[in-house]
Amino acid sequence: VGVAIQMAKGLITDSEPDLGDNDT
């Protein structure tokens, strides 16, 4: 659900979606 919301937000606002944390 969070990914779907962020993807939709990115499409609507032309901003990069926040798809979670990434680290090593």
PDBML (XML) file of the C-alpha atoms, coordinates in Angstrom:
<?xml version="1.0" encoding="UTF-8" ?>
<PDBx:datablock datablockName="MODEL"
   xmlns:PDBx="http://pdbml.pdb.org/schema/pdbx-v50.xsd"
   xmlns:xsi="http://www.w3.org/2001/XMLSchema-instance"
   xsi:schemaLocation="http://pdbml.pdb.org/schema/pdbx-v50.xsd pdbx-v50.xsd">
   <PDBx:atom_siteCategory>
      <PDBx:atom_site id="1">
         <PDBx:B_iso_or_equiv>0.00</PDBx:B_iso_or_equiv>
         <PDBx:Cartn_x>0.000</PDBx:Cartn_x>
         <PDBx:Cartn_y>0.000</PDBx:Cartn_y>
         <PDBx:Cartn_z>0.000</PDBx:Cartn_z>
         <PDBx:auth_asym_id>A</PDBx:auth_asym_id>
         <PDBx:auth_atom_id>CA</PDBx:auth_atom_id>
         <PDBx:auth_comp_id>VAL</PDBx:auth_comp_id>
         <PDBx:auth_seq_id>1</PDBx:auth_seq_id>
         <PDBx:group_PDB>ATOM</PDBx:group_PDB>
         <PDBx:label_alt_id xsi:nil="true" />
         <PDBx:label_asym_id>A</PDBx:label_asym_id>
         <PDBx:label_atom_id>CA</PDBx:label_atom_id>
         <PDBx:label_comp_id>VAL</PDBx:label_comp_id>
         <PDBx:label_entity_id>1</PDBx:label_entity_id>
         <PDBx:label_seq_id>1</PDBx:label_seq_id>
         <PDBx:occupancy>1.00</PDBx:occupancy>
         <PDBx:pdbx_PDB_model_num>1</PDBx:pdbx_PDB_model_num>
         <PDBx:type_symbol>C</PDBx:type_symbol>
      </PDBx:atom_site>
      <PDBx:atom_site id="2">
         <PDBx:B_iso_or_equiv>0.00</PDBx:B_iso_or_equiv>
         <PDBx:Cartn_x>2.830</PDBx:Cartn_x>
         <PDBx:Cartn_y>2.389</PDBx:Cartn_y>
         <PDBx:Cartn_z>0.900</PDBx:Cartn_z>
         <PDBx:auth_asym_id>A</PDBx:auth_asym_id>
         <PDBx:auth_atom_id>CA</PDBx:auth_atom_id>
         <PDBx:auth_comp_id>GLY</PDBx:auth_comp_id>
         <PDBx:auth_seq_id>2</PDBx:auth_seq_id>
         <PDBx:group_PDB>ATOM</PDBx:group_PDB>
         <PDBx:label_alt_id xsi:nil="true" />
         <PDBx:label_asym_id>A</PDBx:label_asym_id>
         <PDBx:label_atom_id>CA</PDBx:label_atom_id>
         <PDBx:label_comp_id>GLY</PDBx:label_comp_id>
         <PDBx:label_entity_id>1</PDBx:label_entity_id>
         <PDBx:label_seq_id>2</PDBx:label_seq_id>
         <PDBx:occupancy>1.00</PDBx:occupancy>
         <PDBx:pdbx_PDB_model_num>1</PDBx:pdbx_PDB_model_num>
         <PDBx:type_symbol>C</PDBx:type_symbol>
      </PDBx:atom_site>
      <PDBx:atom_site id="3">
         <PDBx:B_iso_or_equiv>0.00</PDBx:B_iso_or_equiv>
         <PDBx:Cartn_x>4.601</PDBx:Cartn_x>
         <PDBx:Cartn_y>1.719</PDBx:Cartn_y>
         <PDBx:Cartn_z>-2.403</PDBx:Cartn_z>
         <PDBx:auth_asym_id>A</PDBx:auth_asym_id>
         <PDBx:auth_atom_id>CA</PDBx:auth_atom_id>
         <PDBx:auth_comp_id>VAL</PDBx:auth_comp_id>
         <PDBx:auth_seq_id>3</PDBx:auth_seq_id>
         <PDBx:group_PDB>ATOM</PDBx:group_PDB>
         <PDBx:label_alt_id xsi:nil="true" />
         <PDBx:label_asym_id>A</PDBx:label_asym_id>
         <PDBx:label_atom_id>CA</PDBx:label_atom_id>
         <PDBx:label_comp_id>VAL</PDBx:label_comp_id>
         <PDBx:label_entity_id>1</PDBx:label_entity_id>
         <PDBx:label_seq_id>3</PDBx:label_seq_id>
         <PDBx:occupancy>1.00</PDBx:occupancy>
         <PDBx:pdbx_PDB_model_num>1</PDBx:pdbx_PDB_model_num>
         <PDBx:type_symbol>C</PDBx:type_symbol>
      </PDBx:atom_site>
      <PDBx:atom_site id="4">
         <PDBx:B_iso_or_equiv>0.00</PDBx:B_iso_or_equiv>
         <PDBx:Cartn_x>1.374</PDBx:Cartn_x>
         <PDBx:Cartn_y>2.242</PDBx:Cartn_y>
         <PDBx:Cartn_z>-4.367</PDBx:Cartn_z>
         <PDBx:auth_asym_id>A</PDBx:auth_asym_id>
         <PDBx:auth_atom_id>CA</PDBx:auth_atom_id>
         <PDBx:auth_comp_id>ALA</PDBx:auth_comp_id>
         <PDBx:auth_seq_id>4</PDBx:auth_seq_id>
         <PDBx:group_PDB>ATOM</PDBx:group_PDB>
         <PDBx:label_alt_id xsi:nil="true" />
         <PDBx:label_asym_id>A</PDBx:label_asym_id>
         <PDBx:label_atom_id>CA</PDBx:label_atom_id>
         <PDBx:label_comp_id>ALA</PDBx:label_comp_id>
         <PDBx:label_entity_id>1</PDBx:label_entity_id>
         <PDBx:label_seq_id>4</PDBx:label_seq_id>
         <PDBx:occupancy>1.00</PDBx:occupancy>
         <PDBx:pdbx_PDB_model_num>1</PDBx:pdbx_PDB_model_num>
         <PDBx:type_symbol>C</PDBx:type_symbol>
      </PDBx:atom_site>
      <PDBx:atom_site id="5">
         <PDBx:B_iso_or_equiv>0.00</PDBx:B_iso_or_equiv>
         <PDBx:Cartn_x>0.728</PDBx:Cartn_x>
         <PDBx:Cartn_y>5.553</PDBx:Cartn_y>
         <PDBx:Cartn_z>-2.596</PDBx:Cartn_z>
         <PDBx:auth_asym_id>A</PDBx:auth_asym_id>
         <PDBx:auth_atom_id>CA</PDBx:auth_atom_id>
         <PDBx:auth_comp_id>ILE</PDBx:auth_comp_id>
         <PDBx:auth_seq_id>5</PDBx:auth_seq_id>
         <PDBx:group_PDB>ATOM</PDBx:group_PDB>
         <PDBx:label_alt_id xsi:nil="true" />
         <PDBx:label_asym_id>A</PDBx:label_asym_id>
         <PDBx:label_atom_id>CA</PDBx:label_atom_id>
         <PDBx:label_comp_id>ILE</PDBx:label_comp_id>
         <PDBx:label_entity_id>1</PDBx:label_entity_id>
         <PDBx:label_seq_id>5</PDBx:label_seq_id>
         <PDBx:occupancy>1.00</PDBx:occupancy>
         <PDBx:pdbx_PDB_model_num>1</PDBx:pdbx_PDB_model_num>
         <PDBx:type_symbol>C</PDBx:type_symbol>
      </PDBx:atom_site>
      <PDBx:atom_site id="6">
         <PDBx:B_iso_or_equiv>0.00</PDBx:B_iso_or_equiv>
         <PDBx:Cartn_x>4.297</PDBx:Cartn_x>
         <PDBx:Cartn_y>6.742</PDBx:Cartn_y>
         <PDBx:Cartn_z>-3.146</PDBx:Cartn_z>
         <PDBx:auth_asym_id>A</PDBx:auth_asym_id>
         <PDBx:auth_atom_id>CA</PDBx:auth_atom_id>
         <PDBx:auth_comp_id>GLN</PDBx:auth_comp_id>
         <PDBx:auth_seq_id>6</PDBx:auth_seq_id>
         <PDBx:group_PDB>ATOM</PDBx:group_PDB>
         <PDBx:label_alt_id xsi:nil="true" />
         <PDBx:label_asym_id>A</PDBx:label_asym_id>
         <PDBx:label_atom_id>CA</PDBx:label_atom_id>
         <PDBx:label_comp_id>GLN</PDBx:label_comp_id>
         <PDBx:label_entity_id>1</PDBx:label_entity_id>
         <PDBx:label_seq_id>6</PDBx:label_seq_id>
         <PDBx:occupancy>1.00</PDBx:occupancy>
         <PDBx:pdbx_PDB_model_num>1</PDBx:pdbx_PDB_model_num>
         <PDBx:type_symbol>C</PDBx:type_symbol>
      </PDBx:atom_site>
      <PDBx:atom_site id="7">
         <PDBx:B_iso_or_equiv>0.00</PDBx:B_iso_or_equiv>
         <PDBx:Cartn_x>4.226</PDBx:Cartn_x>
         <PDBx:Cartn_y>5.738</PDBx:Cartn_y>
         <PDBx:Cartn_z>-6.835</PDBx:Cartn_z>
         <PDBx:auth_asym_id>A</PDBx:auth_asym_id>
         <PDBx:auth_atom_id>CA</PDBx:auth_atom_id>
         <PDBx:auth_comp_id>MET</PDBx:auth_comp_id>
         <PDBx:auth_seq_id>7</PDBx:auth_seq_id>
         <PDBx:group_PDB>ATOM</PDBx:group_PDB>
         <PDBx:label_alt_id xsi:nil="true" />
         <PDBx:label_asym_id>A</PDBx:label_asym_id>
         <PDBx:label_atom_id>CA</PDBx:label_atom_id>
         <PDBx:label_comp_id>MET</PDBx:label_comp_id>
         <PDBx:label_entity_id>1</PDBx:label_entity_id>
         <PDBx:label_seq_id>7</PDBx:label_seq_id>
         <PDBx:occupancy>1.00</PDBx:occupancy>
         <PDBx:pdbx_PDB_model_num>1</PDBx:pdbx_PDB_model_num>
         <PDBx:type_symbol>C</PDBx:type_symbol>
      </PDBx:atom_site>
      <PDBx:atom_site id="8">
         <PDBx:B_iso_or_equiv>0.00</PDBx:B_iso_or_equiv>
         <PDBx:Cartn_x>0.933</PDBx:Cartn_x>
         <PDBx:Cartn_y>7.567</PDBx:Cartn_y>
         <PDBx:Cartn_z>-7.348</PDBx:Cartn_z>
         <PDBx:auth_asym_id>A</PDBx:auth_asym_id>
         <PDBx:auth_atom_id>CA</PDBx:auth_atom_id>
         <PDBx:auth_comp_id>ALA</PDBx:auth_comp_id>
         <PDBx:auth_seq_id>8</PDBx:auth_seq_id>
         <PDBx:group_PDB>ATOM</PDBx:group_PDB>
         <PDBx:label_alt_id xsi:nil="true" />
         <PDBx:label_asym_id>A</PDBx:label_asym_id>
         <PDBx:label_atom_id>CA</PDBx:label_atom_id>
         <PDBx:label_comp_id>ALA</PDBx:label_comp_id>
         <PDBx:label_entity_id>1</PDBx:label_entity_id>
         <PDBx:label_seq_id>8</PDBx:label_seq_id>
         <PDBx:occupancy>1.00</PDBx:occupancy>
         <PDBx:pdbx_PDB_model_num>1</PDBx:pdbx_PDB_model_num>
         <PDBx:type_symbol>C</PDBx:type_symbol>
      </PDBx:atom_site>
      <PDBx:atom_site id="9">
         <PDBx:B_iso_or_equiv>0.00</PDBx:B_iso_or_equiv>
         <PDBx:Cartn_x>2.301</PDBx:Cartn_x>
         <PDBx:Cartn_y>10.595</PDBx:Cartn_y>
         <PDBx:Cartn_z>-5.499</PDBx:Cartn_z>
         <PDBx:auth_asym_id>A</PDBx:auth_asym_id>
         <PDBx:auth_atom_id>CA</PDBx:auth_atom_id>
         <PDBx:auth_comp_id>LYS</PDBx:auth_comp_id>
         <PDBx:auth_seq_id>9</PDBx:auth_seq_id>
         <PDBx:group_PDB>ATOM</PDBx:group_PDB>
         <PDBx:label_alt_id xsi:nil="true" />
         <PDBx:label_asym_id>A</PDBx:label_asym_id>
         <PDBx:label_atom_id>CA</PDBx:label_atom_id>
         <PDBx:label_comp_id>LYS</PDBx:label_comp_id>
         <PDBx:label_entity_id>1</PDBx:label_entity_id>
         <PDBx:label_seq_id>9</PDBx:label_seq_id>
         <PDBx:occupancy>1.00</PDBx:occupancy>
         <PDBx:pdbx_PDB_model_num>1</PDBx:pdbx_PDB_model_num>
         <PDBx:type_symbol>C</PDBx:type_symbol>
      </PDBx:atom_site>
      <PDBx:atom_site id="10">
         <PDBx:B_iso_or_equiv>0.00</PDBx:B_iso_or_equiv>
         <PDBx:Cartn_x>5.377</PDBx:Cartn_x>
         <PDBx:Cartn_y>10.549</PDBx:Cartn_y>
         <PDBx:Cartn_z>-7.749</PDBx:Cartn_z>
         <PDBx:auth_asym_id>A</PDBx:auth_asym_id>
         <PDBx:auth_atom_id>CA</PDBx:auth_atom_id>
         <PDBx:auth_comp_id>GLY</PDBx:auth_comp_id>
         <PDBx:auth_seq_id>10</PDBx:auth_seq_id>
         <PDBx:group_PDB>ATOM</PDBx:group_PDB>
         <PDBx:label_alt_id xsi:nil="true" />
         <PDBx:label_asym_id>A</PDBx:label_asym_id>
         <PDBx:label_atom_id>CA</PDBx:label_atom_id>
         <PDBx:label_comp_id>GLY</PDBx:label_comp_id>
         <PDBx:label_entity_id>1</PDBx:label_entity_id>
         <PDBx:label_seq_id>10</PDBx:label_seq_id>
         <PDBx:occupancy>1.00</PDBx:occupancy>
         <PDBx:pdbx_PDB_model_num>1</PDBx:pdbx_PDB_model_num>
         <PDBx:type_symbol>C</PDBx:type_symbol>
      </PDBx:atom_site>
      <PDBx:atom_site id="11">
         <PDBx:B_iso_or_equiv>0.00</PDBx:B_iso_or_equiv>
         <PDBx:Cartn_x>3.253</PDBx:Cartn_x>
         <PDBx:Cartn_y>10.390</PDBx:Cartn_y>
         <PDBx:Cartn_z>-10.894</PDBx:Cartn_z>
         <PDBx:auth_asym_id>A</PDBx:auth_asym_id>
         <PDBx:auth_atom_id>CA</PDBx:auth_atom_id>
         <PDBx:auth_comp_id>LEU</PDBx:auth_comp_id>
         <PDBx:auth_seq_id>11</PDBx:auth_seq_id>
         <PDBx:group_PDB>ATOM</PDBx:group_PDB>
         <PDBx:label_alt_id xsi:nil="true" />
         <PDBx:label_asym_id>A</PDBx:label_asym_id>
         <PDBx:label_atom_id>CA</PDBx:label_atom_id>
         <PDBx:label_comp_id>LEU</PDBx:label_comp_id>
         <PDBx:label_entity_id>1</PDBx:label_entity_id>
         <PDBx:label_seq_id>11</PDBx:label_seq_id>
         <PDBx:occupancy>1.00</PDBx:occupancy>
         <PDBx:pdbx_PDB_model_num>1</PDBx:pdbx_PDB_model_num>
         <PDBx:type_symbol>C</PDBx:type_symbol>
      </PDBx:atom_site>
      <PDBx:atom_site id="12">
         <PDBx:B_iso_or_equiv>0.00</PDBx:B_iso_or_equiv>
         <PDBx:Cartn_x>0.926</PDBx:Cartn_x>
         <PDBx:Cartn_y>13.176</PDBx:Cartn_y>
         <PDBx:Cartn_z>-9.792</PDBx:Cartn_z>
         <PDBx:auth_asym_id>A</PDBx:auth_asym_id>
         <PDBx:auth_atom_id>CA</PDBx:auth_atom_id>
         <PDBx:auth_comp_id>ILE</PDBx:auth_comp_id>
         <PDBx:auth_seq_id>12</PDBx:auth_seq_id>
         <PDBx:group_PDB>ATOM</PDBx:group_PDB>
         <PDBx:label_alt_id xsi:nil="true" />
         <PDBx:label_asym_id>A</PDBx:label_asym_id>
         <PDBx:label_atom_id>CA</PDBx:label_atom_id>
         <PDBx:label_comp_id>ILE</PDBx:label_comp_id>
         <PDBx:label_entity_id>1</PDBx:label_entity_id>
         <PDBx:label_seq_id>12</PDBx:label_seq_id>
         <PDBx:occupancy>1.00</PDBx:occupancy>
         <PDBx:pdbx_PDB_model_num>1</PDBx:pdbx_PDB_model_num>
         <PDBx:type_symbol>C</PDBx:type_symbol>
      </PDBx:atom_site>
      <PDBx:atom_site id="13">
         <PDBx:B_iso_or_equiv>0.00</PDBx:B_iso_or_equiv>
         <PDBx:Cartn_x>3.539</PDBx:Cartn_x>
         <PDBx:Cartn_y>15.566</PDBx:Cartn_y>
         <PDBx:Cartn_z>-8.421</PDBx:Cartn_z>
         <PDBx:auth_asym_id>A</PDBx:auth_asym_id>
         <PDBx:auth_atom_id>CA</PDBx:auth_atom_id>
         <PDBx:auth_comp_id>THR</PDBx:auth_comp_id>
         <PDBx:auth_seq_id>13</PDBx:auth_seq_id>
         <PDBx:group_PDB>ATOM</PDBx:group_PDB>
         <PDBx:label_alt_id xsi:nil="true" />
         <PDBx:label_asym_id>A</PDBx:label_asym_id>
         <PDBx:label_atom_id>CA</PDBx:label_atom_id>
         <PDBx:label_comp_id>THR</PDBx:label_comp_id>
         <PDBx:label_entity_id>1</PDBx:label_entity_id>
         <PDBx:label_seq_id>13</PDBx:label_seq_id>
         <PDBx:occupancy>1.00</PDBx:occupancy>
         <PDBx:pdbx_PDB_model_num>1</PDBx:pdbx_PDB_model_num>
         <PDBx:type_symbol>C</PDBx:type_symbol>
      </PDBx:atom_site>
      <PDBx:atom_site id="14">
         <PDBx:B_iso_or_equiv>0.00</PDBx:B_iso_or_equiv>
         <PDBx:Cartn_x>6.511</PDBx:Cartn_x>
         <PDBx:Cartn_y>14.659</PDBx:Cartn_y>
         <PDBx:Cartn_z>-10.662</PDBx:Cartn_z>
         <PDBx:auth_asym_id>A</PDBx:auth_asym_id>
         <PDBx:auth_atom_id>CA</PDBx:auth_atom_id>
         <PDBx:auth_comp_id>ASP</PDBx:auth_comp_id>
         <PDBx:auth_seq_id>14</PDBx:auth_seq_id>
         <PDBx:group_PDB>ATOM</PDBx:group_PDB>
         <PDBx:label_alt_id xsi:nil="true" />
         <PDBx:label_asym_id>A</PDBx:label_asym_id>
         <PDBx:label_atom_id>CA</PDBx:label_atom_id>
         <PDBx:label_comp_id>ASP</PDBx:label_comp_id>
         <PDBx:label_entity_id>1</PDBx:label_entity_id>
         <PDBx:label_seq_id>14</PDBx:label_seq_id>
         <PDBx:occupancy>1.00</PDBx:occupancy>
         <PDBx:pdbx_PDB_model_num>1</PDBx:pdbx_PDB_model_num>
         <PDBx:type_symbol>C</PDBx:type_symbol>
      </PDBx:atom_site>
      <PDBx:atom_site id="15">
         <PDBx:B_iso_or_equiv>0.00</PDBx:B_iso_or_equiv>
         <PDBx:Cartn_x>8.537</PDBx:Cartn_x>
         <PDBx:Cartn_y>14.149</PDBx:Cartn_y>
         <PDBx:Cartn_z>-7.475</PDBx:Cartn_z>
         <PDBx:auth_asym_id>A</PDBx:auth_asym_id>
         <PDBx:auth_atom_id>CA</PDBx:auth_atom_id>
         <PDBx:auth_comp_id>SER</PDBx:auth_comp_id>
         <PDBx:auth_seq_id>15</PDBx:auth_seq_id>
         <PDBx:group_PDB>ATOM</PDBx:group_PDB>
         <PDBx:label_alt_id xsi:nil="true" />
         <PDBx:label_asym_id>A</PDBx:label_asym_id>
         <PDBx:label_atom_id>CA</PDBx:label_atom_id>
         <PDBx:label_comp_id>SER</PDBx:label_comp_id>
         <PDBx:label_entity_id>1</PDBx:label_entity_id>
         <PDBx:label_seq_id>15</PDBx:label_seq_id>
         <PDBx:occupancy>1.00</PDBx:occupancy>
         <PDBx:pdbx_PDB_model_num>1</PDBx:pdbx_PDB_model_num>
         <PDBx:type_symbol>C</PDBx:type_symbol>
      </PDBx:atom_site>
      <PDBx:atom_site id="16">
         <PDBx:B_iso_or_equiv>0.00</PDBx:B_iso_or_equiv>
         <PDBx:Cartn_x>10.650</PDBx:Cartn_x>
         <PDBx:Cartn_y>11.113</PDBx:Cartn_y>
         <PDBx:Cartn_z>-6.641</PDBx:Cartn_z>
         <PDBx:auth_asym_id>A</PDBx:auth_asym_id>
         <PDBx:auth_atom_id>CA</PDBx:auth_atom_id>
         <PDBx:auth_comp_id>GLU</PDBx:auth_comp_id>
         <PDBx:auth_seq_id>16</PDBx:auth_seq_id>
         <PDBx:group_PDB>ATOM</PDBx:group_PDB>
         <PDBx:label_alt_id xsi:nil="true" />
         <PDBx:label_asym_id>A</PDBx:label_asym_id>
         <PDBx:label_atom_id>CA</PDBx:label_atom_id>
         <PDBx:label_comp_id>GLU</PDBx:label_comp_id>
         <PDBx:label_entity_id>1</PDBx:label_entity_id>
         <PDBx:label_seq_id>16</PDBx:label_seq_id>
         <PDBx:occupancy>1.00</PDBx:occupancy>
         <PDBx:pdbx_PDB_model_num>1</PDBx:pdbx_PDB_model_num>
         <PDBx:type_symbol>C</PDBx:type_symbol>
      </PDBx:atom_site>
      <PDBx:atom_site id="17">
         <PDBx:B_iso_or_equiv>0.00</PDBx:B_iso_or_equiv>
         <PDBx:Cartn_x>8.655</PDBx:Cartn_x>
         <PDBx:Cartn_y>8.578</PDBx:Cartn_y>
         <PDBx:Cartn_z>-4.609</PDBx:Cartn_z>
         <PDBx:auth_asym_id>A</PDBx:auth_asym_id>
         <PDBx:auth_atom_id>CA</PDBx:auth_atom_id>
         <PDBx:auth_comp_id>PRO</PDBx:auth_comp_id>
         <PDBx:auth_seq_id>17</PDBx:auth_seq_id>
         <PDBx:group_PDB>ATOM</PDBx:group_PDB>
         <PDBx:label_alt_id xsi:nil="true" />
         <PDBx:label_asym_id>A</PDBx:label_asym_id>
         <PDBx:label_atom_id>CA</PDBx:label_atom_id>
         <PDBx:label_comp_id>PRO</PDBx:label_comp_id>
         <PDBx:label_entity_id>1</PDBx:label_entity_id>
         <PDBx:label_seq_id>17</PDBx:label_seq_id>
         <PDBx:occupancy>1.00</PDBx:occupancy>
         <PDBx:pdbx_PDB_model_num>1</PDBx:pdbx_PDB_model_num>
         <PDBx:type_symbol>C</PDBx:type_symbol>
      </PDBx:atom_site>
      <PDBx:atom_site id="18">
         <PDBx:B_iso_or_equiv>0.00</PDBx:B_iso_or_equiv>
         <PDBx:Cartn_x>9.937</PDBx:Cartn_x>
         <PDBx:Cartn_y>7.535</PDBx:Cartn_y>
         <PDBx:Cartn_z>-1.158</PDBx:Cartn_z>
         <PDBx:auth_asym_id>A</PDBx:auth_asym_id>
         <PDBx:auth_atom_id>CA</PDBx:auth_atom_id>
         <PDBx:auth_comp_id>ASP</PDBx:auth_comp_id>
         <PDBx:auth_seq_id>18</PDBx:auth_seq_id>
         <PDBx:group_PDB>ATOM</PDBx:group_PDB>
         <PDBx:label_alt_id xsi:nil="true" />
         <PDBx:label_asym_id>A</PDBx:label_asym_id>
         <PDBx:label_atom_id>CA</PDBx:label_atom_id>
         <PDBx:label_comp_id>ASP</PDBx:label_comp_id>
         <PDBx:label_entity_id>1</PDBx:label_entity_id>
         <PDBx:label_seq_id>18</PDBx:label_seq_id>
         <PDBx:occupancy>1.00</PDBx:occupancy>
         <PDBx:pdbx_PDB_model_num>1</PDBx:pdbx_PDB_model_num>
         <PDBx:type_symbol>C</PDBx:type_symbol>
      </PDBx:atom_site>
      <PDBx:atom_site id="19">
         <PDBx:B_iso_or_equiv>0.00</PDBx:B_iso_or_equiv>
         <PDBx:Cartn_x>10.112</PDBx:Cartn_x>
         <PDBx:Cartn_y>3.751</PDBx:Cartn_y>
         <PDBx:Cartn_z>-1.528</PDBx:Cartn_z>
         <PDBx:auth_asym_id>A</PDBx:auth_asym_id>
         <PDBx:auth_atom_id>CA</PDBx:auth_atom_id>
         <PDBx:auth_comp_id>LEU</PDBx:auth_comp_id>
         <PDBx:auth_seq_id>19</PDBx:auth_seq_id>
         <PDBx:group_PDB>ATOM</PDBx:group_PDB>
         <PDBx:label_alt_id xsi:nil="true" />
         <PDBx:label_asym_id>A</PDBx:label_asym_id>
         <PDBx:label_atom_id>CA</PDBx:label_atom_id>
         <PDBx:label_comp_id>LEU</PDBx:label_comp_id>
         <PDBx:label_entity_id>1</PDBx:label_entity_id>
         <PDBx:label_seq_id>19</PDBx:label_seq_id>
         <PDBx:occupancy>1.00</PDBx:occupancy>
         <PDBx:pdbx_PDB_model_num>1</PDBx:pdbx_PDB_model_num>
         <PDBx:type_symbol>C</PDBx:type_symbol>
      </PDBx:atom_site>
      <PDBx:atom_site id="20">
         <PDBx:B_iso_or_equiv>0.00</PDBx:B_iso_or_equiv>
         <PDBx:Cartn_x>11.787</PDBx:Cartn_x>
         <PDBx:Cartn_y>2.982</PDBx:Cartn_y>
         <PDBx:Cartn_z>1.793</PDBx:Cartn_z>
         <PDBx:auth_asym_id>A</PDBx:auth_asym_id>
         <PDBx:auth_atom_id>CA</PDBx:auth_atom_id>
         <PDBx:auth_comp_id>GLY</PDBx:auth_comp_id>
         <PDBx:auth_seq_id>20</PDBx:auth_seq_id>
         <PDBx:group_PDB>ATOM</PDBx:group_PDB>
         <PDBx:label_alt_id xsi:nil="true" />
         <PDBx:label_asym_id>A</PDBx:label_asym_id>
         <PDBx:label_atom_id>CA</PDBx:label_atom_id>
         <PDBx:label_comp_id>GLY</PDBx:label_comp_id>
         <PDBx:label_entity_id>1</PDBx:label_entity_id>
         <PDBx:label_seq_id>20</PDBx:label_seq_id>
         <PDBx:occupancy>1.00</PDBx:occupancy>
         <PDBx:pdbx_PDB_model_num>1</PDBx:pdbx_PDB_model_num>
         <PDBx:type_symbol>C</PDBx:type_symbol>
      </PDBx:atom_site>
      <PDBx:atom_site id="21">
         <PDBx:B_iso_or_equiv>0.00</PDBx:B_iso_or_equiv>
         <PDBx:Cartn_x>15.204</PDBx:Cartn_x>
         <PDBx:Cartn_y>2.995</PDBx:Cartn_y>
         <PDBx:Cartn_z>3.390</PDBx:Cartn_z>
         <PDBx:auth_asym_id>A</PDBx:auth_asym_id>
         <PDBx:auth_atom_id>CA</PDBx:auth_atom_id>
         <PDBx:auth_comp_id>ASP</PDBx:auth_comp_id>
         <PDBx:auth_seq_id>21</PDBx:auth_seq_id>
         <PDBx:group_PDB>ATOM</PDBx:group_PDB>
         <PDBx:label_alt_id xsi:nil="true" />
         <PDBx:label_asym_id>A</PDBx:label_asym_id>
         <PDBx:label_atom_id>CA</PDBx:label_atom_id>
         <PDBx:label_comp_id>ASP</PDBx:label_comp_id>
         <PDBx:label_entity_id>1</PDBx:label_entity_id>
         <PDBx:label_seq_id>21</PDBx:label_seq_id>
         <PDBx:occupancy>1.00</PDBx:occupancy>
         <PDBx:pdbx_PDB_model_num>1</PDBx:pdbx_PDB_model_num>
         <PDBx:type_symbol>C</PDBx:type_symbol>
      </PDBx:atom_site>
      <PDBx:atom_site id="22">
         <PDBx:B_iso_or_equiv>0.00</PDBx:B_iso_or_equiv>
         <PDBx:Cartn_x>18.320</PDBx:Cartn_x>
         <PDBx:Cartn_y>1.610</PDBx:Cartn_y>
         <PDBx:Cartn_z>1.738</PDBx:Cartn_z>
         <PDBx:auth_asym_id>A</PDBx:auth_asym_id>
         <PDBx:auth_atom_id>CA</PDBx:auth_atom_id>
         <PDBx:auth_comp_id>ASN</PDBx:auth_comp_id>
         <PDBx:auth_seq_id>22</PDBx:auth_seq_id>
         <PDBx:group_PDB>ATOM</PDBx:group_PDB>
         <PDBx:label_alt_id xsi:nil="true" />
         <PDBx:label_asym_id>A</PDBx:label_asym_id>
         <PDBx:label_atom_id>CA</PDBx:label_atom_id>
         <PDBx:label_comp_id>ASN</PDBx:label_comp_id>
         <PDBx:label_entity_id>1</PDBx:label_entity_id>
         <PDBx:label_seq_id>22</PDBx:label_seq_id>
         <PDBx:occupancy>1.00</PDBx:occupancy>
         <PDBx:pdbx_PDB_model_num>1</PDBx:pdbx_PDB_model_num>
         <PDBx:type_symbol>C</PDBx:type_symbol>
      </PDBx:atom_site>
      <PDBx:atom_site id="23">
         <PDBx:B_iso_or_equiv>0.00</PDBx:B_iso_or_equiv>
         <PDBx:Cartn_x>21.642</PDBx:Cartn_x>
         <PDBx:Cartn_y>1.069</PDBx:Cartn_y>
         <PDBx:Cartn_z>3.475</PDBx:Cartn_z>
         <PDBx:auth_asym_id>A</PDBx:auth_asym_id>
         <PDBx:auth_atom_id>CA</PDBx:auth_atom_id>
         <PDBx:auth_comp_id>ASP</PDBx:auth_comp_id>
         <PDBx:auth_seq_id>23</PDBx:auth_seq_id>
         <PDBx:group_PDB>ATOM</PDBx:group_PDB>
         <PDBx:label_alt_id xsi:nil="true" />
         <PDBx:label_asym_id>A</PDBx:label_asym_id>
         <PDBx:label_atom_id>CA</PDBx:label_atom_id>
         <PDBx:label_comp_id>ASP</PDBx:label_comp_id>
         <PDBx:label_entity_id>1</PDBx:label_entity_id>
         <PDBx:label_seq_id>23</PDBx:label_seq_id>
         <PDBx:occupancy>1.00</PDBx:occupancy>
         <PDBx:pdbx_PDB_model_num>1</PDBx:pdbx_PDB_model_num>
         <PDBx:type_symbol>C</PDBx:type_symbol>
      </PDBx:atom_site>
      <PDBx:atom_site id="24">
         <PDBx:B_iso_or_equiv>0.00</PDBx:B_iso_or_equiv>
         <PDBx:Cartn_x>24.596</PDBx:Cartn_x>
         <PDBx:Cartn_y>-1.295</PDBx:Cartn_y>
         <PDBx:Cartn_z>3.822</PDBx:Cartn_z>
         <PDBx:auth_asym_id>A</PDBx:auth_asym_id>
         <PDBx:auth_atom_id>CA</PDBx:auth_atom_id>
         <PDBx:auth_comp_id>THR</PDBx:auth_comp_id>
         <PDBx:auth_seq_id>24</PDBx:auth_seq_id>
         <PDBx:group_PDB>ATOM</PDBx:group_PDB>
         <PDBx:label_alt_id xsi:nil="true" />
         <PDBx:label_asym_id>A</PDBx:label_asym_id>
         <PDBx:label_atom_id>CA</PDBx:label_atom_id>
         <PDBx:label_comp_id>THR</PDBx:label_comp_id>
         <PDBx:label_entity_id>1</PDBx:label_entity_id>
         <PDBx:label_seq_id>24</PDBx:label_seq_id>
         <PDBx:occupancy>1.00</PDBx:occupancy>
         <PDBx:pdbx_PDB_model_num>1</PDBx:pdbx_PDB_model_num>
         <PDBx:type_symbol>C</PDBx:type_symbol>
      </PDBx:atom_site>
   </PDBx:atom_siteCategory>
</PDBx:datablock>
